[in-house]
Amino acid sequence: MKRFVFPLLVLAAPPGVAWSEECPSSPDHTESISAVIAQIQDVGNEAEAQTFSNQLWEFWTDAPDAVAQAVLDRGMTRRSGWDLRGAIEEFDKLIEYCPHYAEGYNQRAFAYYLSQDFASALPDLDKAIELSPNHVAAISGRALTLLGLHRIDEARAALSHALELNPWLSERHLMAPGGPLEPPGKDI
């Protein structure tokens, strides 16, 4: 009798979709992301910046293929419904399938963050930033995670970097006078 061995990923594939052997390369949106960041830096208000921020999310959430997109979307839906454990399981699958796709790590980090598991979120954010150095959301998420870990100086540095890329981030208030990341001895 022959025994068939199925890869673990086949069991995790969405219904009706088979995993390919290997995740294709992530779409390269580097130039487009840099252009959008430059536009954000030139706008005059938060409302204008939001339009460009939405464009960044379109690039970041553009998964390498339809299978990865389905898993990403499913994980984000579960996270939005506060099924954080289920979301993390989906993002685990995405990362296993597409280990070079930054958004898998960023989304799993966000689910960990919402679970207040800051220690698990931080390595995922570091990996997302390694894979996508101008991922403003991952950088600001890293700042919030470091704040949750009470690593104030590191949080301040991370948020400063994120604000260099997008000065309109809602998290900017954390560095305002009286905010938890207000620079010591300096008013902003």
C-alpha atoms as a PDB file:
ATOM      1  CA  MET A   1       0.000   0.000   0.000  1.00  0.00           C
ATOM      2  CA  LYS A   2       1.364   3.404  -0.981  1.00  0.00           C
ATOM      3  CA  ARG A   3       1.297   6.199   1.539  1.00  0.00           C
ATOM      4  CA  PHE A   4       0.782   9.752   0.387  1.00  0.00           C
ATOM      5  CA  VAL A   5       2.458  12.538   2.252  1.00  0.00           C
ATOM      6  CA  PHE A   6       0.861  15.938   1.928  1.00  0.00           C
ATOM      7  CA  PRO A   7       2.743  19.069   2.896  1.00  0.00           C
ATOM      8  CA  LEU A   8       1.348  20.830   5.943  1.00  0.00           C
ATOM      9  CA  LEU A   9       0.592  23.876   3.834  1.00  0.00           C
ATOM     10  CA  VAL A  10      -1.922  21.950   1.748  1.00  0.00           C
ATOM     11  CA  LEU A  11      -3.960  21.402   4.886  1.00  0.00           C
ATOM     12  CA  ALA A  12      -3.903  25.115   5.631  1.00  0.00           C
ATOM     13  CA  ALA A  13      -4.924  26.310   2.167  1.00  0.00           C
ATOM     14  CA  PRO A  14      -8.247  28.093   1.791  1.00  0.00           C
ATOM     15  CA  PRO A  15     -11.058  25.875   0.481  1.00  0.00           C
ATOM     16  CA  GLY A  16     -10.791  25.345  -3.246  1.00  0.00           C
ATOM     17  CA  VAL A  17      -7.259  26.740  -3.472  1.00  0.00           C
ATOM     18  CA  ALA A  18      -4.098  24.658  -3.589  1.00  0.00           C
ATOM     19  CA  TRP A  19      -0.786  25.969  -2.296  1.00  0.00           C
ATOM     20  CA  SER A  20       1.926  26.319  -4.835  1.00  0.00           C
ATOM     21  CA  GLU A  21       5.261  24.841  -3.878  1.00  0.00           C
ATOM     22  CA  GLU A  22       6.715  28.190  -2.965  1.00  0.00           C
ATOM     23  CA  CYS A  23       5.402  31.676  -2.435  1.00  0.00           C
ATOM     24  CA  PRO A  24       6.344  33.979  -5.303  1.00  0.00           C
ATOM     25  CA  SER A  25       8.312  37.144  -4.608  1.00  0.00           C
ATOM     26  CA  SER A  26       6.394  39.956  -3.018  1.00  0.00           C
ATOM     27  CA  PRO A  27       5.441  42.764  -5.387  1.00  0.00           C
ATOM     28  CA  ASP A  28       8.136  45.436  -5.370  1.00  0.00           C
ATOM     29  CA  HIS A  29       6.404  48.692  -4.511  1.00  0.00           C
ATOM     30  CA  THR A  30       9.551  50.373  -3.161  1.00  0.00           C
ATOM     31  CA  GLU A  31       9.549  53.280  -5.606  1.00  0.00           C
ATOM     32  CA  SER A  32       5.814  53.840  -5.298  1.00  0.00           C
ATOM     33  CA  ILE A  33       6.008  53.784  -1.496  1.00  0.00           C
ATOM     34  CA  SER A  34       8.874  56.290  -1.539  1.00  0.00           C
ATOM     35  CA  ALA A  35       6.879  58.564  -3.853  1.00  0.00           C
ATOM     36  CA  VAL A  36       3.802  58.406  -1.619  1.00  0.00           C
ATOM     37  CA  ILE A  37       5.888  59.126   1.480  1.00  0.00           C
ATOM     38  CA  ALA A  38       7.355  62.182  -0.284  1.00  0.00           C
ATOM     39  CA  GLN A  39       3.812  63.349  -1.044  1.00  0.00           C
ATOM     40  CA  ILE A  40       2.711  62.859   2.572  1.00  0.00           C
ATOM     41  CA  GLN A  41       5.593  65.022   3.720  1.00  0.00           C
ATOM     42  CA  ASP A  42       4.413  67.861   1.447  1.00  0.00           C
ATOM     43  CA  VAL A  43       0.723  67.969   2.396  1.00  0.00           C
ATOM     44  CA  GLY A  44      -0.672  70.673   4.621  1.00  0.00           C
ATOM     45  CA  ASN A  45      -3.017  68.751   6.883  1.00  0.00           C
ATOM     46  CA  GLU A  46      -3.931  65.376   8.329  1.00  0.00           C
ATOM     47  CA  ALA A  47      -6.951  64.887   6.042  1.00  0.00           C
ATOM     48  CA  GLU A  48      -4.800  65.210   2.918  1.00  0.00           C
ATOM     49  CA  ALA A  49      -2.198  62.890   4.436  1.00  0.00           C
ATOM     50  CA  GLN A  50      -4.861  60.232   5.096  1.00  0.00           C
ATOM     51  CA  THR A  51      -5.461  59.787   1.366  1.00  0.00           C
ATOM     52  CA  PHE A  52      -1.783  59.006   0.867  1.00  0.00           C
ATOM     53  CA  SER A  53      -1.679  56.774   3.939  1.00  0.00           C
ATOM     54  CA  ASN A  54      -4.498  54.731   2.414  1.00  0.00           C
ATOM     55  CA  GLN A  55      -2.379  54.324  -0.731  1.00  0.00           C
ATOM     56  CA  LEU A  56       0.463  52.962   1.391  1.00  0.00           C
ATOM     57  CA  TRP A  57      -1.878  50.336   2.849  1.00  0.00           C
ATOM     58  CA  GLU A  58      -2.823  49.272  -0.683  1.00  0.00           C
ATOM     59  CA  PHE A  59       0.851  48.606  -1.424  1.00  0.00           C
ATOM     60  CA  TRP A  60       1.598  46.887   1.886  1.00  0.00           C
ATOM     61  CA  THR A  61      -1.424  44.599   1.673  1.00  0.00           C
ATOM     62  CA  ASP A  62      -0.752  43.571  -1.937  1.00  0.00           C
ATOM     63  CA  ALA A  63       0.142  39.936  -1.252  1.00  0.00           C
ATOM     64  CA  PRO A  64       2.445  37.879  -3.498  1.00  0.00           C
ATOM     65  CA  ASP A  65      -0.355  35.714  -4.933  1.00  0.00           C
ATOM     66  CA  ALA A  66      -4.051  34.908  -4.580  1.00  0.00           C
ATOM     67  CA  VAL A  67      -3.460  32.257  -1.929  1.00  0.00           C
ATOM     68  CA  ALA A  68      -1.410  34.603   0.236  1.00  0.00           C
ATOM     69  CA  GLN A  69      -3.990  37.352  -0.300  1.00  0.00           C
ATOM     70  CA  ALA A  70      -6.797  35.062   0.851  1.00  0.00           C
ATOM     71  CA  VAL A  71      -4.914  34.126   4.023  1.00  0.00           C
ATOM     72  CA  LEU A  72      -3.990  37.766   4.717  1.00  0.00           C
ATOM     73  CA  ASP A  73      -7.574  38.897   4.214  1.00  0.00           C
ATOM     74  CA  ARG A  74      -8.911  36.097   6.400  1.00  0.00           C
ATOM     75  CA  GLY A  75      -6.454  36.974   9.175  1.00  0.00           C
ATOM     76  CA  MET A  76      -7.313  40.661   8.997  1.00  0.00           C
ATOM     77  CA  THR A  77     -11.025  39.838   9.136  1.00  0.00           C
ATOM     78  CA  ARG A  78     -10.506  37.639  12.177  1.00  0.00           C
ATOM     79  CA  ARG A  79      -8.437  40.357  13.844  1.00  0.00           C
ATOM     80  CA  SER A  80     -11.110  42.969  13.102  1.00  0.00           C
ATOM     81  CA  GLY A  81     -13.620  40.677  14.781  1.00  0.00           C
ATOM     82  CA  TRP A  82     -11.332  40.401  17.829  1.00  0.00           C
ATOM     83  CA  ASP A  83     -10.610  36.737  17.164  1.00  0.00           C
ATOM     84  CA  LEU A  84      -6.972  37.474  17.899  1.00  0.00           C
ATOM     85  CA  ARG A  85      -5.888  33.852  18.390  1.00  0.00           C
ATOM     86  CA  GLY A  86      -7.529  32.927  15.069  1.00  0.00           C
ATOM     87  CA  ALA A  87      -5.890  35.914  13.381  1.00  0.00           C
ATOM     88  CA  ILE A  88      -2.470  34.906  14.687  1.00  0.00           C
ATOM     89  CA  GLU A  89      -3.028  31.379  13.364  1.00  0.00           C
ATOM     90  CA  GLU A  90      -3.822  32.789   9.909  1.00  0.00           C
ATOM     91  CA  PHE A  91      -0.768  35.047   9.974  1.00  0.00           C
ATOM     92  CA  ASP A  92       1.357  32.081  11.094  1.00  0.00           C
ATOM     93  CA  LYS A  93       0.211  30.277   7.932  1.00  0.00           C
ATOM     94  CA  LEU A  94       0.952  33.318   5.796  1.00  0.00           C
ATOM     95  CA  ILE A  95       4.453  33.700   7.247  1.00  0.00           C
ATOM     96  CA  GLU A  96       5.155  30.002   6.799  1.00  0.00           C
ATOM     97  CA  TYR A  97       4.075  30.223   3.160  1.00  0.00           C
ATOM     98  CA  CYS A  98       5.550  33.677   2.377  1.00  0.00           C
ATOM     99  CA  PRO A  99       8.424  34.311   4.802  1.00  0.00           C
ATOM    100  CA  HIS A 100       9.644  37.263   2.719  1.00  0.00           C
ATOM    101  CA  TYR A 101       6.327  39.152   2.783  1.00  0.00           C
ATOM    102  CA  ALA A 102       6.546  41.974   5.341  1.00  0.00           C
ATOM    103  CA  GLU A 103       2.822  42.403   5.889  1.00  0.00           C
ATOM    104  CA  GLY A 104       2.428  38.900   7.316  1.00  0.00           C
ATOM    105  CA  TYR A 105       4.773  39.865  10.131  1.00  0.00           C
ATOM    106  CA  ASN A 106       3.245  43.317  10.565  1.00  0.00           C
ATOM    107  CA  GLN A 107      -0.286  41.958  10.832  1.00  0.00           C
ATOM    108  CA  ARG A 108       0.708  39.205  13.249  1.00  0.00           C
ATOM    109  CA  ALA A 109       2.512  41.819  15.339  1.00  0.00           C
ATOM    110  CA  PHE A 110      -0.654  43.918  15.407  1.00  0.00           C
ATOM    111  CA  ALA A 111      -2.672  40.937  16.641  1.00  0.00           C
ATOM    112  CA  TYR A 112      -0.048  40.289  19.333  1.00  0.00           C
ATOM    113  CA  TYR A 113      -0.093  43.982  20.240  1.00  0.00           C
ATOM    114  CA  LEU A 114      -3.874  43.941  20.620  1.00  0.00           C
ATOM    115  CA  SER A 115      -3.424  40.874  22.847  1.00  0.00           C
ATOM    116  CA  GLN A 116      -0.934  42.939  24.861  1.00  0.00           C
ATOM    117  CA  ASP A 117       1.741  40.370  24.063  1.00  0.00           C
ATOM    118  CA  PHE A 118       4.314  43.041  23.326  1.00  0.00           C
ATOM    119  CA  ALA A 119       7.267  40.671  23.648  1.00  0.00           C
ATOM    120  CA  SER A 120       5.910  38.563  20.756  1.00  0.00           C
ATOM    121  CA  ALA A 121       4.987  41.606  18.662  1.00  0.00           C
ATOM    122  CA  LEU A 122       8.446  43.182  18.702  1.00  0.00           C
ATOM    123  CA  PRO A 123      10.401  40.532  16.716  1.00  0.00           C
ATOM    124  CA  ASP A 124       7.648  40.490  14.082  1.00  0.00           C
ATOM    125  CA  LEU A 125       7.836  44.257  13.742  1.00  0.00           C
ATOM    126  CA  ASP A 126      11.619  44.095  13.458  1.00  0.00           C
ATOM    127  CA  LYS A 127      11.262  41.517  10.667  1.00  0.00           C
ATOM    128  CA  ALA A 128       8.602  43.567   8.860  1.00  0.00           C
ATOM    129  CA  ILE A 129      10.873  46.617   8.966  1.00  0.00           C
ATOM    130  CA  GLU A 130      13.859  44.553   7.814  1.00  0.00           C
ATOM    131  CA  LEU A 131      11.830  43.412   4.797  1.00  0.00           C
ATOM    132  CA  SER A 132      10.206  46.817   4.175  1.00  0.00           C
ATOM    133  CA  PRO A 133      12.371  49.582   5.694  1.00  0.00           C
ATOM    134  CA  ASN A 134       9.869  52.387   5.003  1.00  0.00           C
ATOM    135  CA  HIS A 135       6.860  50.527   6.414  1.00  0.00           C
ATOM    136  CA  VAL A 136       5.620  53.491   8.416  1.00  0.00           C
ATOM    137  CA  ALA A 137       2.890  51.468  10.118  1.00  0.00           C
ATOM    138  CA  ALA A 138       5.361  48.835  11.304  1.00  0.00           C
ATOM    139  CA  ILE A 139       7.747  51.528  12.531  1.00  0.00           C
ATOM    140  CA  SER A 140       5.003  53.338  14.465  1.00  0.00           C
ATOM    141  CA  GLY A 141       3.724  49.967  15.693  1.00  0.00           C
ATOM    142  CA  ARG A 142       7.222  49.249  16.921  1.00  0.00           C
ATOM    143  CA  ALA A 143       7.164  52.534  18.857  1.00  0.00           C
ATOM    144  CA  LEU A 144       3.846  51.631  20.480  1.00  0.00           C
ATOM    145  CA  THR A 145       5.099  48.141  21.295  1.00  0.00           C
ATOM    146  CA  LEU A 146       8.271  49.511  22.877  1.00  0.00           C
ATOM    147  CA  LEU A 147       6.108  51.917  24.872  1.00  0.00           C
ATOM    148  CA  GLY A 148       4.079  48.898  26.047  1.00  0.00           C
ATOM    149  CA  LEU A 149       7.367  47.293  27.130  1.00  0.00           C
ATOM    150  CA  HIS A 150       8.304  50.527  28.992  1.00  0.00           C
ATOM    151  CA  ARG A 151      11.359  50.997  26.771  1.00  0.00           C
ATOM    152  CA  ILE A 152      10.713  54.716  26.507  1.00  0.00           C
ATOM    153  CA  ASP A 153      13.916  55.939  24.850  1.00  0.00           C
ATOM    154  CA  GLU A 154      13.680  53.265  22.145  1.00  0.00           C
ATOM    155  CA  ALA A 155       9.976  54.014  21.660  1.00  0.00           C
ATOM    156  CA  ARG A 156      10.727  57.716  21.268  1.00  0.00           C
ATOM    157  CA  ALA A 157      13.448  56.996  18.681  1.00  0.00           C
ATOM    158  CA  ALA A 158      11.155  54.672  16.703  1.00  0.00           C
ATOM    159  CA  LEU A 159       8.304  57.162  16.701  1.00  0.00           C
ATOM    160  CA  SER A 160      10.664  59.973  15.695  1.00  0.00           C
ATOM    161  CA  HIS A 161      11.738  57.870  12.713  1.00  0.00           C
ATOM    162  CA  ALA A 162       8.109  57.127  11.771  1.00  0.00           C
ATOM    163  CA  LEU A 163       7.260  60.830  12.012  1.00  0.00           C
ATOM    164  CA  GLU A 164      10.163  61.686   9.714  1.00  0.00           C
ATOM    165  CA  LEU A 165       8.449  59.515   7.110  1.00  0.00           C
ATOM    166  CA  ASN A 166       4.885  60.633   7.896  1.00  0.00           C
ATOM    167  CA  PRO A 167       4.603  63.709  10.136  1.00  0.00           C
ATOM    168  CA  TRP A 168       0.801  63.326  10.204  1.00  0.00           C
ATOM    169  CA  LEU A 169       0.623  60.013  12.063  1.00  0.00           C
ATOM    170  CA  SER A 170      -2.021  60.032  14.773  1.00  0.00           C
ATOM    171  CA  GLU A 171       0.637  58.748  17.190  1.00  0.00           C
ATOM    172  CA  ARG A 172       2.436  62.117  16.974  1.00  0.00           C
ATOM    173  CA  HIS A 173       0.518  63.280  20.044  1.00  0.00           C
ATOM    174  CA  LEU A 174       2.584  60.841  22.128  1.00  0.00           C
ATOM    175  CA  MET A 175       5.604  63.123  21.627  1.00  0.00           C
ATOM    176  CA  ALA A 176       3.725  66.340  22.386  1.00  0.00           C
ATOM    177  CA  PRO A 177       4.318  68.205  25.645  1.00  0.00           C
ATOM    178  CA  GLY A 178       2.960  66.061  28.449  1.00  0.00           C
ATOM    179  CA  GLY A 179       2.815  62.970  26.225  1.00  0.00           C
ATOM    180  CA  PRO A 180       4.459  59.724  27.333  1.00  0.00           C
ATOM    181  CA  LEU A 181       7.200  60.088  24.696  1.00  0.00           C
ATOM    182  CA  GLU A 182       7.812  63.798  25.096  1.00  0.00           C
ATOM    183  CA  PRO A 183      11.531  64.378  24.526  1.00  0.00           C
ATOM    184  CA  PRO A 184      13.226  65.107  27.851  1.00  0.00           C
ATOM    185  CA  GLY A 185      13.831  68.816  28.442  1.00  0.00           C
ATOM    186  CA  LYS A 186      12.382  69.761  25.055  1.00  0.00           C
ATOM    187  CA  ASP A 187       8.974  70.997  23.940  1.00  0.00           C
ATOM    188  CA  ILE A 188       7.770  70.050  20.467  1.00  0.00           C
END
